Amino acid sequence: MSEDFDLDPIFSEIAACERRNRDAGMQDLMRQVAATHEGKVLPGRILTVEDWPGATCSLAVFLDENGSTVCAPLDPLAISFYEYRPIGDQDAVRRSKNPAMREGFCIRGPLTLVDTVKDPSREISKAQVMAIHTLVGNDSTWWPIRDYSEAELEEVFGSLELNVVWLDACPVGMVHLDYSVRSDESAAKVVFVGLDPAVQGRGLGRELVHRVMSDAMDRGVRRLFLDTVAHRDSRSPSGKVATGGKQPSAHDVYLKSGFTMVGIKVIDPANKRQLEEEGLAVNQLNGPLEYGVSDLRPLREAVYEAFGVSDELRLRV
């Protein structure tokens, strides 16, 4: 990848944003904002401060170990953009190499977002979306939605085609498609794709990506887009370092599945103009690392409760 993209400017831009976030003036501003909003803002919300010198500042609100309100600036993110566009018989060749979806591993959807599920084969509740998103997104530091109102959930997920990934009668992941992101009716974007860390490392991620690609092509899609954010600790836009070499990164899976990396850029949550140009809301970016939890068992149990998975069918990890 380094032969096609010069990563030095990317790393320099990230470093400059991080230096700004550690600046003494920024630290004073965070303390002032936290004191002003003590007990007034729910954890998980973002405060936009307009009077930061020379820029808009986006601050995440959370609680420290003492239960006090604290703020942290959102880190810059290196986002890699990918596209799959079959040419000639390229898709047929790709399909011939697809791994077969193993027994017990499947995708259920598209599902309609509703308040109360009446038909599990066609509908998914907002509580279920919140539970599976929190479990899958914790490891990827997706922005936390556990405190979102129903209106906010509808805003984020209402326009998406929702799908839940199952393994042996347990919900273990999610993958959604957005058909509204491009004017071209034959294009779609894959969003919020991920698996429970407990089932990663088995090749299921590659199977999932191939299945999504094949289903989209069968429905007339001829351009498929997705993007991915490098893990905060990896300092690598490809995400390769984040896995420690034990598992293939999302970057590797996408390339081996036939996607082409078409670009990479740094998104600075403090740059309001850039967010508007990219059509992004701050809460579509990654959340602060402070939200990550090391023990996923309560999050997994919350998913099983939301989906009504009986005790004998739950994964034991």
Protein backbone atom coordinates (compact mmCIF):
# COMPACT_ATOMS: atom_id res chain seq x y z
CA MET A 1 0.00 0.00 0.00
CA SER A 2 2.85 2.41 0.72
CA GLU A 3 3.81 2.22 -2.98
CA ASP A 4 0.50 3.81 -3.91
CA PHE A 5 -0.05 6.22 -1.03
CA ASP A 6 2.47 8.49 0.66
CA LEU A 7 1.69 8.01 4.35
CA ASP A 8 4.16 10.55 5.75
CA PRO A 9 1.82 13.54 5.29
CA ILE A 10 -0.97 11.52 6.91
CA PHE A 11 1.12 10.78 10.01
CA SER A 12 2.31 14.42 10.16
CA GLU A 13 -1.26 15.70 10.04
CA ILE A 14 -2.35 13.32 12.80
CA ALA A 15 0.62 14.36 14.95
CA ALA A 16 -0.23 18.05 14.51
CA CYS A 17 -3.83 17.47 15.62
CA GLU A 18 -2.70 15.44 18.61
CA ARG A 19 -0.26 18.20 19.66
CA ARG A 20 -3.13 20.66 19.58
CA ASN A 21 -5.23 18.35 21.75
CA ARG A 22 -2.42 18.23 24.35
CA ASP A 23 -1.91 21.99 24.32
CA ALA A 24 -2.18 23.70 27.73
CA GLY A 25 -4.88 26.02 26.39
CA MET A 26 -6.94 23.03 25.32
CA GLN A 27 -6.54 21.43 28.75
CA ASP A 28 -7.79 24.63 30.43
CA LEU A 29 -10.71 24.79 28.01
CA MET A 30 -11.71 21.20 28.76
CA ARG A 31 -11.70 21.84 32.50
CA GLN A 32 -13.81 24.96 32.07
CA VAL A 33 -16.34 23.24 29.84
CA ALA A 34 -16.57 20.22 32.16
CA ALA A 35 -17.18 22.45 35.19
CA THR A 36 -19.86 24.41 33.33
CA HIS A 37 -21.71 21.27 32.25
CA GLU A 38 -21.30 19.22 35.44
CA GLY A 39 -24.42 17.06 35.77
CA LYS A 40 -26.12 18.77 32.80
CA VAL A 41 -24.96 16.62 29.86
CA LEU A 42 -25.33 12.86 29.53
CA PRO A 43 -22.15 10.84 29.03
CA GLY A 44 -21.76 9.89 25.39
CA ARG A 45 -22.67 13.33 24.10
CA ILE A 46 -20.47 15.70 22.15
CA LEU A 47 -20.10 19.36 22.98
CA THR A 48 -19.13 21.72 20.19
CA VAL A 49 -17.21 24.75 21.46
CA GLU A 50 -17.06 27.55 18.93
CA ASP A 51 -14.59 29.86 20.65
CA TRP A 52 -11.49 27.66 20.55
CA PRO A 53 -8.85 29.90 18.93
CA GLY A 54 -8.99 29.45 15.17
CA ALA A 55 -11.27 26.41 15.08
CA THR A 56 -14.36 24.69 16.30
CA CYS A 57 -13.57 22.21 19.07
CA SER A 58 -15.48 18.95 19.57
CA LEU A 59 -15.32 17.52 23.08
CA ALA A 60 -16.60 14.14 24.22
CA VAL A 61 -18.30 14.06 27.63
CA PHE A 62 -17.83 11.12 29.98
CA LEU A 63 -17.54 10.35 33.68
CA ASP A 64 -14.27 9.68 35.48
CA GLU A 65 -13.76 7.03 38.17
CA ASN A 66 -15.23 9.42 40.76
CA GLY A 67 -18.37 10.08 38.74
CA SER A 68 -17.36 13.64 37.84
CA THR A 69 -18.03 15.09 34.41
CA VAL A 70 -14.88 15.35 32.29
CA CYS A 71 -14.20 16.18 28.66
CA ALA A 72 -11.74 14.95 26.08
CA PRO A 73 -11.05 16.18 22.55
CA LEU A 74 -11.86 13.74 19.78
CA ASP A 75 -8.73 12.37 18.16
CA PRO A 76 -8.06 12.76 14.44
CA LEU A 77 -8.76 9.67 12.40
CA ALA A 78 -7.07 8.26 9.31
CA ILE A 79 -9.83 6.90 7.09
CA SER A 80 -9.13 4.52 4.22
CA PHE A 81 -11.64 4.42 1.36
CA TYR A 82 -12.34 1.30 -0.72
CA GLU A 83 -14.35 0.53 -3.83
CA TYR A 84 -15.39 -2.67 -5.56
CA ARG A 85 -16.39 -2.39 -9.20
CA PRO A 86 -16.57 -5.67 -11.15
CA ILE A 87 -15.16 -5.45 -14.66
CA GLY A 88 -16.12 -8.08 -17.22
CA ASP A 89 -16.19 -11.50 -15.55
CA GLN A 90 -14.30 -10.26 -12.48
CA ASP A 91 -17.26 -10.87 -10.19
CA ALA A 92 -17.76 -14.41 -11.46
CA VAL A 93 -14.09 -15.18 -10.80
CA ARG A 94 -14.34 -13.65 -7.32
CA ARG A 95 -17.44 -15.71 -6.52
CA SER A 96 -15.72 -18.91 -7.60
CA LYS A 97 -13.12 -18.26 -4.89
CA ASN A 98 -15.63 -17.30 -2.20
CA PRO A 99 -15.49 -19.37 0.98
CA ALA A 100 -18.76 -21.18 1.62
CA MET A 101 -20.83 -19.81 4.48
CA ARG A 102 -20.31 -22.44 7.14
CA GLU A 103 -23.20 -24.20 8.79
CA GLY A 104 -24.85 -22.07 11.46
CA PHE A 105 -23.34 -18.81 10.14
CA CYS A 106 -25.83 -16.60 8.30
CA ILE A 107 -27.09 -13.08 7.68
CA ARG A 108 -30.71 -12.19 8.41
CA GLY A 109 -32.16 -9.16 6.75
CA PRO A 110 -32.96 -6.65 5.49
CA LEU A 111 -34.79 -5.74 8.66
CA THR A 112 -37.02 -2.74 9.35
CA LEU A 113 -36.26 -0.62 12.41
CA VAL A 114 -39.26 -0.62 14.75
CA ASP A 115 -40.05 0.08 18.38
CA THR A 116 -41.58 -3.34 19.07
CA VAL A 117 -40.79 -6.43 17.01
CA LYS A 118 -43.80 -8.33 15.73
CA ASP A 119 -42.06 -10.36 13.02
CA PRO A 120 -38.42 -11.27 13.86
CA SER A 121 -37.81 -12.31 10.24
CA ARG A 122 -38.52 -8.79 8.99
CA GLU A 123 -38.06 -6.41 11.92
CA ILE A 124 -35.45 -5.35 14.45
CA SER A 125 -36.12 -3.20 17.49
CA LYS A 126 -34.16 -0.11 18.44
CA ALA A 127 -33.17 -1.88 21.67
CA GLN A 128 -31.70 -4.77 19.67
CA VAL A 129 -29.77 -2.41 17.37
CA MET A 130 -28.40 -0.57 20.39
CA ALA A 131 -27.29 -3.81 22.07
CA ILE A 132 -25.52 -5.38 19.08
CA HIS A 133 -23.94 -2.07 18.04
CA THR A 134 -22.53 -1.57 21.54
CA LEU A 135 -21.03 -5.08 21.66
CA VAL A 136 -19.53 -5.07 18.17
CA GLY A 137 -18.49 -1.42 18.23
CA ASN A 138 -16.74 -1.50 21.60
CA ASP A 139 -13.66 -3.19 20.16
CA SER A 140 -13.61 -0.76 17.22
CA THR A 141 -14.38 2.28 19.41
CA TRP A 142 -17.48 3.10 17.37
CA TRP A 143 -19.24 6.09 18.83
CA PRO A 144 -21.35 4.84 21.80
CA ILE A 145 -25.11 5.01 21.30
CA ARG A 146 -26.27 3.54 24.59
CA ASP A 147 -27.71 6.88 25.74
CA TYR A 148 -29.31 7.78 22.42
CA SER A 149 -32.99 8.66 22.31
CA GLU A 150 -35.31 6.85 19.90
CA ALA A 151 -35.24 9.90 17.63
CA GLU A 152 -31.43 9.83 17.54
CA LEU A 153 -31.38 6.11 16.78
CA GLU A 154 -33.83 6.68 13.96
CA GLU A 155 -31.61 9.43 12.55
CA VAL A 156 -28.54 7.18 12.48
CA PHE A 157 -30.10 3.87 11.40
CA GLY A 158 -33.47 4.74 9.87
CA SER A 159 -32.19 5.10 6.30
CA LEU A 160 -30.02 1.97 6.38
CA GLU A 161 -30.82 -1.57 5.30
CA LEU A 162 -30.20 -3.41 8.56
CA ASN A 163 -28.83 -6.96 8.79
CA VAL A 164 -27.85 -9.10 11.78
CA VAL A 165 -25.20 -11.81 11.59
CA TRP A 166 -25.95 -15.08 13.38
CA LEU A 167 -23.83 -18.03 14.45
CA ASP A 168 -25.44 -21.13 15.93
CA ALA A 169 -28.66 -19.30 16.89
CA CYS A 170 -26.77 -16.39 18.49
CA PRO A 171 -26.51 -12.83 17.12
CA VAL A 172 -22.77 -12.18 16.74
CA GLY A 173 -22.51 -9.20 14.42
CA MET A 174 -24.08 -6.67 12.13
CA VAL A 175 -23.69 -5.33 8.61
CA HIS A 176 -25.77 -2.58 7.07
CA LEU A 177 -26.10 -1.17 3.56
CA ASP A 178 -26.72 2.44 2.62
CA TYR A 179 -28.27 2.96 -0.80
CA SER A 180 -28.67 6.71 -0.34
CA VAL A 181 -25.00 7.75 -0.26
CA ARG A 182 -24.56 7.94 -4.03
CA SER A 183 -26.70 9.41 -6.79
CA ASP A 184 -25.95 6.32 -8.86
CA GLU A 185 -28.74 3.80 -8.28
CA SER A 186 -26.37 0.91 -8.97
CA ALA A 187 -24.10 1.91 -6.05
CA ALA A 188 -24.25 1.15 -2.34
CA LYS A 189 -22.08 1.59 0.73
CA VAL A 190 -21.36 -1.03 3.38
CA VAL A 191 -21.54 0.53 6.86
CA PHE A 192 -21.25 -0.68 10.46
CA VAL A 193 -19.83 -4.10 9.60
CA GLY A 194 -18.36 -6.04 12.50
CA LEU A 195 -18.36 -9.20 14.59
CA ASP A 196 -18.29 -10.00 18.28
CA PRO A 197 -14.57 -10.32 19.20
CA ALA A 198 -15.40 -13.74 20.68
CA VAL A 199 -15.93 -15.19 17.19
CA GLN A 200 -13.14 -13.34 15.39
CA GLY A 201 -10.08 -15.21 14.14
CA ARG A 202 -12.13 -18.00 12.54
CA GLY A 203 -12.32 -16.59 9.03
CA LEU A 204 -15.90 -15.46 9.55
CA GLY A 205 -15.09 -11.84 8.67
CA ARG A 206 -13.99 -12.82 5.17
CA GLU A 207 -17.05 -15.02 4.73
CA LEU A 208 -19.25 -12.12 5.83
CA VAL A 209 -17.69 -9.63 3.40
CA HIS A 210 -17.98 -12.08 0.49
CA ARG A 211 -21.62 -12.80 1.29
CA VAL A 212 -22.48 -9.09 1.44
CA MET A 213 -20.70 -8.48 -1.87
CA SER A 214 -22.47 -11.37 -3.61
CA ASP A 215 -25.90 -10.37 -2.31
CA ALA A 216 -25.35 -6.77 -3.43
CA MET A 217 -24.23 -7.84 -6.92
CA ASP A 218 -27.29 -10.12 -7.22
CA ARG A 219 -29.46 -7.06 -6.55
CA GLY A 220 -27.94 -5.05 -9.35
CA VAL A 221 -25.24 -3.17 -7.43
CA ARG A 222 -22.24 -2.50 -9.63
CA ARG A 223 -20.23 -0.19 -7.37
CA LEU A 224 -19.78 -1.05 -3.71
CA PHE A 225 -18.07 1.35 -1.32
CA LEU A 226 -16.84 1.14 2.24
CA ASP A 227 -14.34 2.88 4.47
CA THR A 228 -12.52 1.92 7.61
CA VAL A 229 -10.74 3.77 10.38
CA ALA A 230 -7.32 2.76 11.66
CA HIS A 231 -7.30 1.54 15.25
CA ARG A 232 -6.33 4.38 17.55
CA ASP A 233 -3.33 2.51 18.95
CA SER A 234 -2.04 1.20 15.65
CA ARG A 235 -0.90 4.51 14.12
CA SER A 236 -1.38 2.74 10.82
CA PRO A 237 -4.05 3.82 8.33
CA SER A 238 -4.24 0.24 7.08
CA GLY A 239 -4.94 -1.05 10.58
CA LYS A 240 -2.34 -3.81 10.13
CA VAL A 241 -0.51 -3.10 13.38
CA ALA A 242 -3.69 -3.21 15.43
CA THR A 243 -4.05 -6.99 15.11
CA GLY A 244 -0.54 -7.72 16.31
CA GLY A 245 -0.11 -10.10 13.38
CA LYS A 246 -2.48 -12.70 14.84
CA GLN A 247 -5.44 -11.97 12.60
CA PRO A 248 -5.81 -10.38 9.18
CA SER A 249 -6.78 -6.73 9.41
CA ALA A 250 -9.96 -5.38 7.84
CA HIS A 251 -7.69 -3.76 5.25
CA ASP A 252 -6.30 -7.16 4.23
CA VAL A 253 -9.74 -8.76 4.12
CA TYR A 254 -11.13 -6.03 1.85
CA LEU A 255 -8.21 -6.18 -0.56
CA LYS A 256 -8.29 -9.98 -0.78
CA SER A 257 -12.04 -9.81 -1.39
CA GLY A 258 -11.54 -7.68 -4.49
CA PHE A 259 -11.85 -4.14 -3.13
CA THR A 260 -9.38 -1.48 -4.23
CA MET A 261 -8.12 1.15 -1.82
CA VAL A 262 -8.91 4.41 -3.62
CA GLY A 263 -7.87 7.00 -1.04
CA ILE A 264 -6.85 7.88 2.47
CA LYS A 265 -7.30 11.08 4.41
CA VAL A 266 -7.26 12.47 7.93
CA ILE A 267 -10.59 13.59 9.37
CA ASP A 268 -10.21 16.10 12.20
CA PRO A 269 -13.39 16.23 14.33
CA ALA A 270 -12.48 19.81 15.31
CA ASN A 271 -12.62 20.94 11.67
CA LYS A 272 -16.28 21.74 11.18
CA ARG A 273 -15.84 22.76 7.54
CA GLN A 274 -14.17 19.45 6.70
CA LEU A 275 -16.95 17.48 8.36
CA GLU A 276 -19.54 19.37 6.33
CA GLU A 277 -17.61 18.79 3.10
CA GLU A 278 -17.39 15.06 3.83
CA GLY A 279 -21.06 14.91 4.81
CA LEU A 280 -20.16 13.61 8.27
CA ALA A 281 -21.57 14.23 11.69
CA VAL A 282 -19.14 14.06 14.59
CA ASN A 283 -20.96 11.06 16.04
CA GLN A 284 -20.36 9.11 12.83
CA LEU A 285 -16.68 9.02 13.75
CA ASN A 286 -15.04 6.89 16.41
CA GLY A 287 -15.81 7.48 20.05
CA PRO A 288 -13.29 8.22 22.80
CA LEU A 289 -11.21 5.29 24.02
CA GLU A 290 -12.50 5.94 27.55
CA TYR A 291 -15.73 4.21 26.53
CA GLY A 292 -14.05 0.93 25.71
CA VAL A 293 -14.58 -1.86 28.25
CA SER A 294 -12.33 -4.87 28.74
CA ASP A 295 -14.99 -7.31 29.95
CA LEU A 296 -17.46 -7.86 27.12
CA ARG A 297 -19.57 -10.45 28.92
CA PRO A 298 -22.20 -7.97 30.18
CA LEU A 299 -22.49 -6.47 26.69
CA ARG A 300 -22.86 -9.94 25.17
CA GLU A 301 -25.49 -10.92 27.72
CA ALA A 302 -27.38 -7.70 26.92
CA VAL A 303 -27.47 -8.76 23.26
CA TYR A 304 -28.80 -12.20 24.15
CA GLU A 305 -31.47 -10.66 26.37
CA ALA A 306 -32.52 -8.20 23.67
CA PHE A 307 -32.85 -10.97 21.08
CA GLY A 308 -34.42 -13.49 23.47
CA VAL A 309 -31.67 -16.11 23.13
CA SER A 310 -32.26 -18.92 25.62
CA ASP A 311 -29.53 -19.88 28.08
CA GLU A 312 -28.78 -23.21 26.45
CA LEU A 313 -28.14 -21.57 23.05
CA ARG A 314 -25.83 -18.78 24.22
CA LEU A 315 -22.17 -18.89 23.24
CA ARG A 316 -19.90 -19.82 26.14
CA VAL A 317 -16.74 -17.74 25.88
